[in-house]
PDB file of N, CA and C in Angstrom:
ATOM      1  N   MET A   1      -8.156  -7.968   0.870  1.00  0.00           N
ATOM      2  CA  MET A   1      -8.960  -7.435   1.993  1.00  0.00           C
ATOM      3  C   MET A   1      -8.430  -6.189   2.767  1.00  0.00           C
ATOM      4  N   PHE A   2      -7.167  -6.072   2.767  1.00  0.00           N
ATOM      5  CA  PHE A   2      -6.517  -4.947   3.408  1.00  0.00           C
ATOM      6  C   PHE A   2      -6.692  -3.576   2.599  1.00  0.00           C
ATOM      7  N   ARG A   3      -6.798  -3.745   1.361  1.00  0.00           N
ATOM      8  CA  ARG A   3      -7.017  -2.600   0.529  1.00  0.00           C
ATOM      9  C   ARG A   3      -8.370  -2.023   0.596  1.00  0.00           C
ATOM     10  N   ASP A   4      -9.344  -2.721   0.885  1.00  0.00           N
ATOM     11  CA  ASP A   4     -10.752  -2.238   0.916  1.00  0.00           C
ATOM     12  C   ASP A   4     -10.987  -1.601   2.428  1.00  0.00           C
ATOM     13  N   THR A   5     -11.109  -0.301   2.434  1.00  0.00           N
ATOM     14  CA  THR A   5     -11.255   0.407   3.785  1.00  0.00           C
ATOM     15  C   THR A   5     -12.629   0.130   4.367  1.00  0.00           C
ATOM     16  N   ASN A   6     -13.653  -0.405   3.568  1.00  0.00           N
ATOM     17  CA  ASN A   6     -14.935  -0.646   4.053  1.00  0.00           C
ATOM     18  C   ASN A   6     -15.133  -1.959   4.766  1.00  0.00           C
ATOM     19  N   VAL A   7     -14.033  -2.816   4.746  1.00  0.00           N
ATOM     20  CA  VAL A   7     -14.017  -4.130   5.450  1.00  0.00           C
ATOM     21  C   VAL A   7     -14.070  -4.011   6.923  1.00  0.00           C
ATOM     22  N   THR A   8     -15.003  -4.507   7.588  1.00  0.00           N
ATOM     23  CA  THR A   8     -14.912  -4.515   9.032  1.00  0.00           C
ATOM     24  C   THR A   8     -14.179  -5.712   9.608  1.00  0.00           C
ATOM     25  N   SER A   9     -13.845  -5.565  10.772  1.00  0.00           N
ATOM     26  CA  SER A   9     -12.919  -6.653  11.384  1.00  0.00           C
ATOM     27  C   SER A   9     -13.702  -7.946  11.459  1.00  0.00           C
ATOM     28  N   LYS A  10     -15.007  -7.978  11.645  1.00  0.00           N
ATOM     29  CA  LYS A  10     -15.743  -9.231  11.544  1.00  0.00           C
ATOM     30  C   LYS A  10     -15.771  -9.877  10.278  1.00  0.00           C
ATOM     31  N   SER A  11     -16.033  -9.153   9.290  1.00  0.00           N
ATOM     32  CA  SER A  11     -15.971  -9.668   7.900  1.00  0.00           C
ATOM     33  C   SER A  11     -14.574 -10.117   7.416  1.00  0.00           C
ATOM     34  N   PHE A  12     -13.639  -9.375   7.919  1.00  0.00           N
ATOM     35  CA  PHE A  12     -12.236  -9.744   7.664  1.00  0.00           C
ATOM     36  C   PHE A  12     -11.834 -11.140   8.337  1.00  0.00           C
ATOM     37  N   LEU A  13     -12.252 -11.239   9.553  1.00  0.00           N
ATOM     38  CA  LEU A  13     -11.942 -12.457  10.316  1.00  0.00           C
ATOM     39  C   LEU A  13     -12.689 -13.677   9.704  1.00  0.00           C
ATOM     40  N   ASP A  14     -13.902 -13.545   9.349  1.00  0.00           N
ATOM     41  CA  ASP A  14     -14.771 -14.553   8.816  1.00  0.00           C
ATOM     42  C   ASP A  14     -13.983 -15.031   7.467  1.00  0.00           C
ATOM     43  N   LYS A  15     -13.813 -14.024   6.539  1.00  0.00           N
ATOM     44  CA  LYS A  15     -13.134 -14.544   5.285  1.00  0.00           C
ATOM     45  C   LYS A  15     -11.638 -15.023   5.438  1.00  0.00           C
ATOM     46  N   PHE A  16     -10.871 -14.497   6.400  1.00  0.00           N
ATOM     47  CA  PHE A  16      -9.532 -14.998   6.656  1.00  0.00           C
ATOM     48  C   PHE A  16      -9.629 -16.349   7.101  1.00  0.00           C
ATOM     49  N   HIS A  17     -10.377 -16.720   8.230  1.00  0.00           N
ATOM     50  CA  HIS A  17     -10.574 -18.042   8.771  1.00  0.00           C
ATOM     51  C   HIS A  17     -11.063 -19.016   7.710  1.00  0.00           C
ATOM     52  N   GLY A  18     -11.991 -18.547   6.784  1.00  0.00           N
ATOM     53  CA  GLY A  18     -12.484 -19.399   5.753  1.00  0.00           C
ATOM     54  C   GLY A  18     -11.388 -19.804   4.746  1.00  0.00           C
ATOM     55  N   LEU A  19     -10.534 -18.811   4.355  1.00  0.00           N
ATOM     56  CA  LEU A  19      -9.456 -19.042   3.470  1.00  0.00           C
ATOM     57  C   LEU A  19      -8.435 -19.965   4.087  1.00  0.00           C
ATOM     58  N   VAL A  20      -8.122 -19.761   5.335  1.00  0.00           N
ATOM     59  CA  VAL A  20      -7.096 -20.522   5.926  1.00  0.00           C
ATOM     60  C   VAL A  20      -7.595 -21.950   6.212  1.00  0.00           C
ATOM     61  N   SER A  21      -8.832 -22.182   6.458  1.00  0.00           N
ATOM     62  CA  SER A  21      -9.420 -23.502   6.551  1.00  0.00           C
ATOM     63  C   SER A  21      -9.400 -24.311   5.182  1.00  0.00           C
ATOM     64  N   LYS A  22      -9.636 -23.551   4.125  1.00  0.00           N
ATOM     65  CA  LYS A  22      -9.590 -24.162   2.817  1.00  0.00           C
ATOM     66  C   LYS A  22      -8.137 -24.667   2.506  1.00  0.00           C
ATOM     67  N   LEU A  23      -7.131 -23.671   2.857  1.00  0.00           N
ATOM     68  CA  LEU A  23      -5.765 -23.988   2.565  1.00  0.00           C
ATOM     69  C   LEU A  23      -5.189 -25.130   3.289  1.00  0.00           C
ATOM     70  N   GLU A  24      -5.668 -25.283   4.698  1.00  0.00           N
ATOM     71  CA  GLU A  24      -5.183 -26.395   5.443  1.00  0.00           C
ATOM     72  C   GLU A  24      -5.895 -27.684   4.975  1.00  0.00           C
ATOM     73  N   GLU A  25      -7.078 -27.701   4.358  1.00  0.00           N
ATOM     74  CA  GLU A  25      -7.574 -28.896   3.849  1.00  0.00           C
ATOM     75  C   GLU A  25      -6.822 -29.451   2.676  1.00  0.00           C
ATOM     76  N   ARG A  26      -6.120 -28.699   2.032  1.00  0.00           N
ATOM     77  CA  ARG A  26      -5.283 -29.228   0.910  1.00  0.00           C
ATOM     78  C   ARG A  26      -4.072 -30.027   1.386  1.00  0.00           C
ATOM     79  N   VAL A  27      -3.596 -30.907   0.426  1.00  0.00           N
ATOM     80  CA  VAL A  27      -2.433 -31.620   0.651  1.00  0.00           C
ATOM     81  C   VAL A  27      -1.108 -30.731   0.538  1.00  0.00           C
ATOM     82  N   GLU A  28      -0.248 -30.630   1.406  1.00  0.00           N
ATOM     83  CA  GLU A  28       0.801 -29.770   1.261  1.00  0.00           C
ATOM     84  C   GLU A  28       1.884 -30.381   0.258  1.00  0.00           C
ATOM     85  N   VAL A  29       2.295 -29.418  -0.581  1.00  0.00           N
ATOM     86  CA  VAL A  29       3.169 -29.739  -1.716  1.00  0.00           C
ATOM     87  C   VAL A  29       4.401 -28.878  -1.464  1.00  0.00           C
ATOM     88  N   HIS A  30       5.518 -29.472  -1.384  1.00  0.00           N
ATOM     89  CA  HIS A  30       6.732 -28.655  -1.139  1.00  0.00           C
ATOM     90  C   HIS A  30       7.226 -28.052  -2.374  1.00  0.00           C
ATOM     91  N   LEU A  31       7.286 -26.785  -2.433  1.00  0.00           N
ATOM     92  CA  LEU A  31       7.681 -25.987  -3.636  1.00  0.00           C
ATOM     93  C   LEU A  31       8.975 -25.204  -3.127  1.00  0.00           C
ATOM     94  N   ASP A  32      10.021 -25.330  -3.764  1.00  0.00           N
ATOM     95  CA  ASP A  32      11.259 -24.741  -3.146  1.00  0.00           C
ATOM     96  C   ASP A  32      11.590 -23.521  -3.994  1.00  0.00           C
ATOM     97  N   SER A  33      10.590 -22.420  -3.905  1.00  0.00           N
ATOM     98  CA  SER A  33      11.056 -21.227  -4.413  1.00  0.00           C
ATOM     99  C   SER A  33      10.799 -20.116  -3.268  1.00  0.00           C
ATOM    100  N   GLU A  34      11.551 -19.110  -3.521  1.00  0.00           N
ATOM    101  CA  GLU A  34      11.560 -18.075  -2.510  1.00  0.00           C
ATOM    102  C   GLU A  34      10.175 -17.484  -2.160  1.00  0.00           C
ATOM    103  N   TYR A  35       9.360 -17.319  -3.321  1.00  0.00           N
ATOM    104  CA  TYR A  35       8.117 -16.623  -3.208  1.00  0.00           C
ATOM    105  C   TYR A  35       7.193 -17.495  -2.437  1.00  0.00           C
ATOM    106  N   HIS A  36       7.144 -18.830  -2.761  1.00  0.00           N
ATOM    107  CA  HIS A  36       6.227 -19.714  -2.081  1.00  0.00           C
ATOM    108  C   HIS A  36       6.528 -19.823  -0.586  1.00  0.00           C
ATOM    109  N   ASN A  37       7.865 -19.760  -0.253  1.00  0.00           N
ATOM    110  CA  ASN A  37       8.367 -20.111   1.128  1.00  0.00           C
ATOM    111  C   ASN A  37       7.921 -18.736   1.962  1.00  0.00           C
ATOM    112  N   GLU A  38       8.214 -17.568   1.281  1.00  0.00           N
ATOM    113  CA  GLU A  38       7.773 -16.210   1.966  1.00  0.00           C
ATOM    114  C   GLU A  38       6.303 -16.154   2.110  1.00  0.00           C
ATOM    115  N   LEU A  39       5.569 -16.505   1.069  1.00  0.00           N
ATOM    116  CA  LEU A  39       3.999 -16.428   1.183  1.00  0.00           C
ATOM    117  C   LEU A  39       3.650 -17.483   2.414  1.00  0.00           C
ATOM    118  N   LYS A  40       4.038 -18.679   2.395  1.00  0.00           N
ATOM    119  CA  LYS A  40       3.730 -19.492   3.446  1.00  0.00           C
ATOM    120  C   LYS A  40       3.996 -18.966   4.849  1.00  0.00           C
ATOM    121  N   SER A  41       5.265 -18.430   5.061  1.00  0.00           N
ATOM    122  CA  SER A  41       5.609 -17.840   6.272  1.00  0.00           C
ATOM    123  C   SER A  41       4.750 -16.580   6.674  1.00  0.00           C
ATOM    124  N   TYR A  42       4.351 -15.823   5.659  1.00  0.00           N
ATOM    125  CA  TYR A  42       3.635 -14.732   5.836  1.00  0.00           C
ATOM    126  C   TYR A  42       2.209 -15.017   6.301  1.00  0.00           C
ATOM    127  N   ILE A  43       1.675 -16.021   5.660  1.00  0.00           N
ATOM    128  CA  ILE A  43       0.259 -16.482   6.201  1.00  0.00           C
ATOM    129  C   ILE A  43       0.242 -16.972   7.629  1.00  0.00           C
ATOM    130  N   HIS A  44       1.257 -17.707   7.963  1.00  0.00           N
ATOM    131  CA  HIS A  44       1.381 -18.348   9.258  1.00  0.00           C
ATOM    132  C   HIS A  44       1.621 -17.183  10.337  1.00  0.00           C
ATOM    133  N   LYS A  45       2.411 -16.127   9.933  1.00  0.00           N
ATOM    134  CA  LYS A  45       2.615 -15.013  10.943  1.00  0.00           C
ATOM    135  C   LYS A  45       1.377 -14.163  10.998  1.00  0.00           C
ATOM    136  N   LEU A  46       0.633 -13.962  10.025  1.00  0.00           N
ATOM    137  CA  LEU A  46      -0.595 -13.302  10.025  1.00  0.00           C
ATOM    138  C   LEU A  46      -1.700 -14.084  10.832  1.00  0.00           C
ATOM    139  N   LYS A  47      -1.698 -15.369  10.682  1.00  0.00           N
ATOM    140  CA  LYS A  47      -2.538 -16.110  11.400  1.00  0.00           C
ATOM    141  C   LYS A  47      -2.345 -15.977  12.992  1.00  0.00           C
ATOM    142  N   SER A  48      -0.973 -16.260  13.284  1.00  0.00           N
ATOM    143  CA  SER A  48      -0.662 -16.086  14.710  1.00  0.00           C
ATOM    144  C   SER A  48      -0.930 -14.678  15.285  1.00  0.00           C
ATOM    145  N   GLU A  49      -0.571 -13.692  14.444  1.00  0.00           N
ATOM    146  CA  GLU A  49      -0.929 -12.295  14.919  1.00  0.00           C
ATOM    147  C   GLU A  49      -2.434 -12.014  15.087  1.00  0.00           C
ATOM    148  N   ILE A  50      -3.193 -12.572  14.279  1.00  0.00           N
ATOM    149  CA  ILE A  50      -4.724 -12.366  14.475  1.00  0.00           C
ATOM    150  C   ILE A  50      -5.137 -13.127  15.657  1.00  0.00           C
ATOM    151  N   GLU A  51      -4.689 -14.381  15.880  1.00  0.00           N
ATOM    152  CA  GLU A  51      -5.155 -15.178  17.039  1.00  0.00           C
ATOM    153  C   GLU A  51      -4.525 -14.606  18.274  1.00  0.00           C
ATOM    154  N   SER A  52      -3.474 -13.882  18.327  1.00  0.00           N
ATOM    155  CA  SER A  52      -3.037 -13.391  19.581  1.00  0.00           C
ATOM    156  C   SER A  52      -3.554 -12.029  19.939  1.00  0.00           C
ATOM    157  N   LYS A  53      -4.397 -11.385  19.048  1.00  0.00           N
ATOM    158  CA  LYS A  53      -4.833  -9.963  19.355  1.00  0.00           C
ATOM    159  C   LYS A  53      -6.382 -10.217  19.371  1.00  0.00           C
ATOM    160  N   ASP A  54      -7.007  -9.224  20.090  1.00  0.00           N
ATOM    161  CA  ASP A  54      -8.388  -8.988  20.135  1.00  0.00           C
ATOM    162  C   ASP A  54      -8.716  -8.083  19.063  1.00  0.00           C
ATOM    163  N   MET A  55      -9.293  -8.683  17.972  1.00  0.00           N
ATOM    164  CA  MET A  55      -9.412  -7.878  16.697  1.00  0.00           C
ATOM    165  C   MET A  55     -10.770  -7.060  16.786  1.00  0.00           C
ATOM    166  N   ASP A  56     -10.536  -5.814  16.533  1.00  0.00           N
ATOM    167  CA  ASP A  56     -11.678  -4.771  16.232  1.00  0.00           C
ATOM    168  C   ASP A  56     -11.163  -3.894  15.207  1.00  0.00           C
ATOM    169  N   ASP A  57     -12.226  -2.996  14.799  1.00  0.00           N
ATOM    170  CA  ASP A  57     -11.867  -2.239  13.547  1.00  0.00           C
ATOM    171  C   ASP A  57     -10.680  -1.391  13.779  1.00  0.00           C
ATOM    172  N   LYS A  58     -10.387  -0.786  14.905  1.00  0.00           N
ATOM    173  CA  LYS A  58      -9.135  -0.007  15.061  1.00  0.00           C
ATOM    174  C   LYS A  58      -7.915  -0.917  14.973  1.00  0.00           C
ATOM    175  N   ALA A  59      -7.848  -2.024  15.480  1.00  0.00           N
ATOM    176  CA  ALA A  59      -6.886  -2.957  15.237  1.00  0.00           C
ATOM    177  C   ALA A  59      -6.472  -3.313  13.950  1.00  0.00           C
ATOM    178  N   LEU A  60      -7.640  -3.566  13.170  1.00  0.00           N
ATOM    179  CA  LEU A  60      -7.484  -3.783  11.671  1.00  0.00           C
ATOM    180  C   LEU A  60      -6.923  -2.564  10.918  1.00  0.00           C
ATOM    181  N   ASP A  61      -7.350  -1.405  11.288  1.00  0.00           N
ATOM    182  CA  ASP A  61      -6.778  -0.269  10.542  1.00  0.00           C
ATOM    183  C   ASP A  61      -5.288   0.059  10.837  1.00  0.00           C
ATOM    184  N   ASP A  62      -4.850  -0.456  12.173  1.00  0.00           N
ATOM    185  CA  ASP A  62      -3.523  -0.307  12.589  1.00  0.00           C
ATOM    186  C   ASP A  62      -2.581  -1.242  11.793  1.00  0.00           C
ATOM    187  N   MET A  63      -3.214  -2.498  11.463  1.00  0.00           N
ATOM    188  CA  MET A  63      -2.436  -3.547  10.814  1.00  0.00           C
ATOM    189  C   MET A  63      -2.385  -3.182   9.408  1.00  0.00           C
ATOM    190  N   ARG A  64      -3.292  -2.474   8.754  1.00  0.00           N
ATOM    191  CA  ARG A  64      -3.427  -2.286   7.343  1.00  0.00           C
ATOM    192  C   ARG A  64      -2.305  -1.831   6.629  1.00  0.00           C
ATOM    193  N   ASP A  65      -1.521  -0.763   7.189  1.00  0.00           N
ATOM    194  CA  ASP A  65      -0.444  -0.291   6.384  1.00  0.00           C
ATOM    195  C   ASP A  65       0.717  -1.181   6.454  1.00  0.00           C
ATOM    196  N   VAL A  66       0.992  -1.818   7.548  1.00  0.00           N
ATOM    197  CA  VAL A  66       2.112  -2.710   7.693  1.00  0.00           C
ATOM    198  C   VAL A  66       1.987  -3.869   6.767  1.00  0.00           C
ATOM    199  N   HIS A  67       0.794  -4.410   6.670  1.00  0.00           N
ATOM    200  CA  HIS A  67       0.613  -5.719   5.863  1.00  0.00           C
ATOM    201  C   HIS A  67       0.416  -5.458   4.417  1.00  0.00           C
ATOM    202  N   MET A  68       0.080  -4.123   4.166  1.00  0.00           N
ATOM    203  CA  MET A  68      -0.059  -3.762   2.705  1.00  0.00           C
ATOM    204  C   MET A  68       1.356  -3.736   2.033  1.00  0.00           C
ATOM    205  N   SER A  69       2.339  -3.154   2.883  1.00  0.00           N
ATOM    206  CA  SER A  69       3.688  -3.116   2.487  1.00  0.00           C
ATOM    207  C   SER A  69       4.262  -4.433   2.359  1.00  0.00           C
ATOM    208  N   ASN A  70       4.010  -5.351   3.258  1.00  0.00           N
ATOM    209  CA  ASN A  70       4.488  -6.754   3.190  1.00  0.00           C
ATOM    210  C   ASN A  70       3.919  -7.522   1.949  1.00  0.00           C
ATOM    211  N   LEU A  71       2.645  -7.310   1.696  1.00  0.00           N
ATOM    212  CA  LEU A  71       1.975  -7.857   0.526  1.00  0.00           C
ATOM    213  C   LEU A  71       2.589  -7.272  -0.809  1.00  0.00           C
ATOM    214  N   ASN A  72       2.905  -6.064  -0.840  1.00  0.00           N
ATOM    215  CA  ASN A  72       3.489  -5.466  -2.028  1.00  0.00           C
ATOM    216  C   ASN A  72       4.968  -5.988  -2.187  1.00  0.00           C
ATOM    217  N   ARG A  73       5.697  -6.302  -1.205  1.00  0.00           N
ATOM    218  CA  ARG A  73       6.959  -6.927  -1.220  1.00  0.00           C
ATOM    219  C   ARG A  73       6.860  -8.392  -1.859  1.00  0.00           C
ATOM    220  N   LEU A  74       5.828  -9.170  -1.485  1.00  0.00           N
ATOM    221  CA  LEU A  74       5.555 -10.363  -1.987  1.00  0.00           C
ATOM    222  C   LEU A  74       5.155 -10.387  -3.362  1.00  0.00           C
ATOM    223  N   GLN A  75       4.461  -9.420  -3.750  1.00  0.00           N
ATOM    224  CA  GLN A  75       4.087  -9.267  -5.122  1.00  0.00           C
ATOM    225  C   GLN A  75       5.264  -8.924  -6.061  1.00  0.00           C
ATOM    226  N   LYS A  76       6.168  -8.123  -5.604  1.00  0.00           N
ATOM    227  CA  LYS A  76       7.359  -7.812  -6.336  1.00  0.00           C
ATOM    228  C   LYS A  76       8.207  -9.031  -6.443  1.00  0.00           C
ATOM    229  N   LEU A  77       8.245  -9.869  -5.376  1.00  0.00           N
ATOM    230  CA  LEU A  77       9.020 -11.007  -5.393  1.00  0.00           C
ATOM    231  C   LEU A  77       8.459 -11.943  -6.413  1.00  0.00           C
ATOM    232  N   LYS A  78       7.256 -12.120  -6.505  1.00  0.00           N
ATOM    233  CA  LYS A  78       6.574 -13.018  -7.463  1.00  0.00           C
ATOM    234  C   LYS A  78       6.760 -12.487  -8.857  1.00  0.00           C
ATOM    235  N   ASN A  79       6.595 -11.150  -9.092  1.00  0.00           N
ATOM    236  CA  ASN A  79       6.883 -10.573 -10.413  1.00  0.00           C
ATOM    237  C   ASN A  79       8.246 -10.720 -11.021  1.00  0.00           C
ATOM    238  N   ARG A  80       9.105 -10.652 -10.016  1.00  0.00           N
ATOM    239  CA  ARG A  80      10.665 -10.690 -10.406  1.00  0.00           C
ATOM    240  C   ARG A  80      11.058 -11.888 -11.102  1.00  0.00           C
ATOM    241  N   THR A  81      10.376 -13.007 -10.917  1.00  0.00           N
ATOM    242  CA  THR A  81      10.757 -14.291 -11.513  1.00  0.00           C
ATOM    243  C   THR A  81       9.872 -14.572 -12.685  1.00  0.00           C
ATOM    244  N   SER A  82       8.986 -13.782 -12.969  1.00  0.00           N
ATOM    245  CA  SER A  82       8.022 -14.080 -14.037  1.00  0.00           C
ATOM    246  C   SER A  82       8.352 -13.508 -15.433  1.00  0.00           C
ATOM    247  N   TYR A  83       9.257 -12.498 -15.515  1.00  0.00           N
ATOM    248  CA  TYR A  83       9.633 -11.901 -16.694  1.00  0.00           C
ATOM    249  C   TYR A  83      10.890 -12.668 -17.390  1.00  0.00           C
ATOM    250  N   LYS A  84      10.780 -12.724 -18.624  1.00  0.00           N
ATOM    251  CA  LYS A  84      11.999 -13.262 -19.253  1.00  0.00           C
ATOM    252  C   LYS A  84      12.947 -12.166 -19.485  1.00  0.00           C
ATOM    253  N   LYS A  85      14.200 -12.447 -19.576  1.00  0.00           N
ATOM    254  CA  LYS A  85      15.246 -11.433 -19.819  1.00  0.00           C
ATOM    255  C   LYS A  85      15.204 -11.170 -21.430  1.00  0.00           C
ATOM    256  N   ASP A  86      15.616  -9.945 -21.883  1.00  0.00           N
ATOM    257  CA  ASP A  86      15.664  -9.625 -23.274  1.00  0.00           C
ATOM    258  C   ASP A  86      16.461 -10.676 -24.168  1.00  0.00           C
ATOM    259  N   LYS A  87      17.478 -11.145 -23.536  1.00  0.00           N
ATOM    260  CA  LYS A  87      18.409 -12.009 -24.292  1.00  0.00           C
ATOM    261  C   LYS A  87      17.696 -13.283 -24.710  1.00  0.00           C
ATOM    262  N   HIS A  88      16.699 -13.743 -23.864  1.00  0.00           N
ATOM    263  CA  HIS A  88      16.084 -14.972 -24.152  1.00  0.00           C
ATOM    264  C   HIS A  88      15.030 -14.772 -25.151  1.00  0.00           C
ATOM    265  N   LYS A  89      14.255 -13.573 -25.052  1.00  0.00           N
ATOM    266  CA  LYS A  89      13.263 -13.323 -26.078  1.00  0.00           C
ATOM    267  C   LYS A  89      13.815 -13.056 -27.393  1.00  0.00           C
ATOM    268  N   LEU A  90      14.918 -12.570 -27.563  1.00  0.00           N
ATOM    269  CA  LEU A  90      15.480 -12.335 -28.883  1.00  0.00           C
ATOM    270  C   LEU A  90      15.914 -13.704 -29.474  1.00  0.00           C
ATOM    271  N   LYS A  91      16.374 -14.564 -28.752  1.00  0.00           N
ATOM    272  CA  LYS A  91      16.887 -15.916 -29.107  1.00  0.00           C
ATOM    273  C   LYS A  91      15.766 -16.659 -29.791  1.00  0.00           C
ATOM    274  N   THR A  92      14.582 -16.669 -29.082  1.00  0.00           N
ATOM    275  CA  THR A  92      13.400 -17.486 -29.529  1.00  0.00           C
ATOM    276  C   THR A  92      12.809 -16.746 -30.777  1.00  0.00           C
ATOM    277  N   GLN A  93      12.945 -15.440 -31.031  1.00  0.00           N
ATOM    278  CA  GLN A  93      12.316 -14.780 -32.067  1.00  0.00           C
ATOM    279  C   GLN A  93      13.093 -15.048 -33.390  1.00  0.00           C
ATOM    280  N   ASN A  94      14.381 -15.384 -33.248  1.00  0.00           N
ATOM    281  CA  ASN A  94      15.322 -15.383 -34.337  1.00  0.00           C
ATOM    282  C   ASN A  94      15.684 -16.915 -34.683  1.00  0.00           C
ATOM    283  N   GLN A  95      15.062 -17.707 -34.108  1.00  0.00           N
ATOM    284  CA  GLN A  95      15.340 -19.183 -34.464  1.00  0.00           C
ATOM    285  C   GLN A  95      14.731 -19.574 -35.902  1.00  0.00           C
ATOM    286  N   ASP A  96      15.461 -20.317 -36.547  1.00  0.00           N
ATOM    287  CA  ASP A  96      15.035 -20.692 -37.904  1.00  0.00           C
ATOM    288  C   ASP A  96      14.605 -22.211 -37.719  1.00  0.00           C
ATOM    289  N   TRP A  97      13.301 -22.486 -38.024  1.00  0.00           N
ATOM    290  CA  TRP A  97      12.750 -23.868 -37.818  1.00  0.00           C
ATOM    291  C   TRP A  97      12.760 -24.598 -39.201  1.00  0.00           C
ATOM    292  N   GLY A  98      13.297 -24.092 -40.087  1.00  0.00           N
ATOM    293  CA  GLY A  98      13.189 -24.677 -41.318  1.00  0.00           C
ATOM    294  C   GLY A  98      14.165 -25.119 -42.405  1.00  0.00           C
TER     295      GLY A  98
END
């Protein structure tokens, strides 16, 4: 939602509160990974920031750059753990099953 510059503060708030309410309906499962912990804390910080401010289009534009960099950092954290190292790829390719 931060990437789309055509999003108004009203539509942002409606969608954000809808997503947070769906998230809070779910049973919490404890996942002990750095990405999940950082994502959870980011959502809580964003929620408290939005609730403490009087949101209008100017405030949303001011928040956009800061939160885009935080989201990019979270995405890098997620991608860092998803790639296999080359030494593991070569080992599975050269295995003899027969």
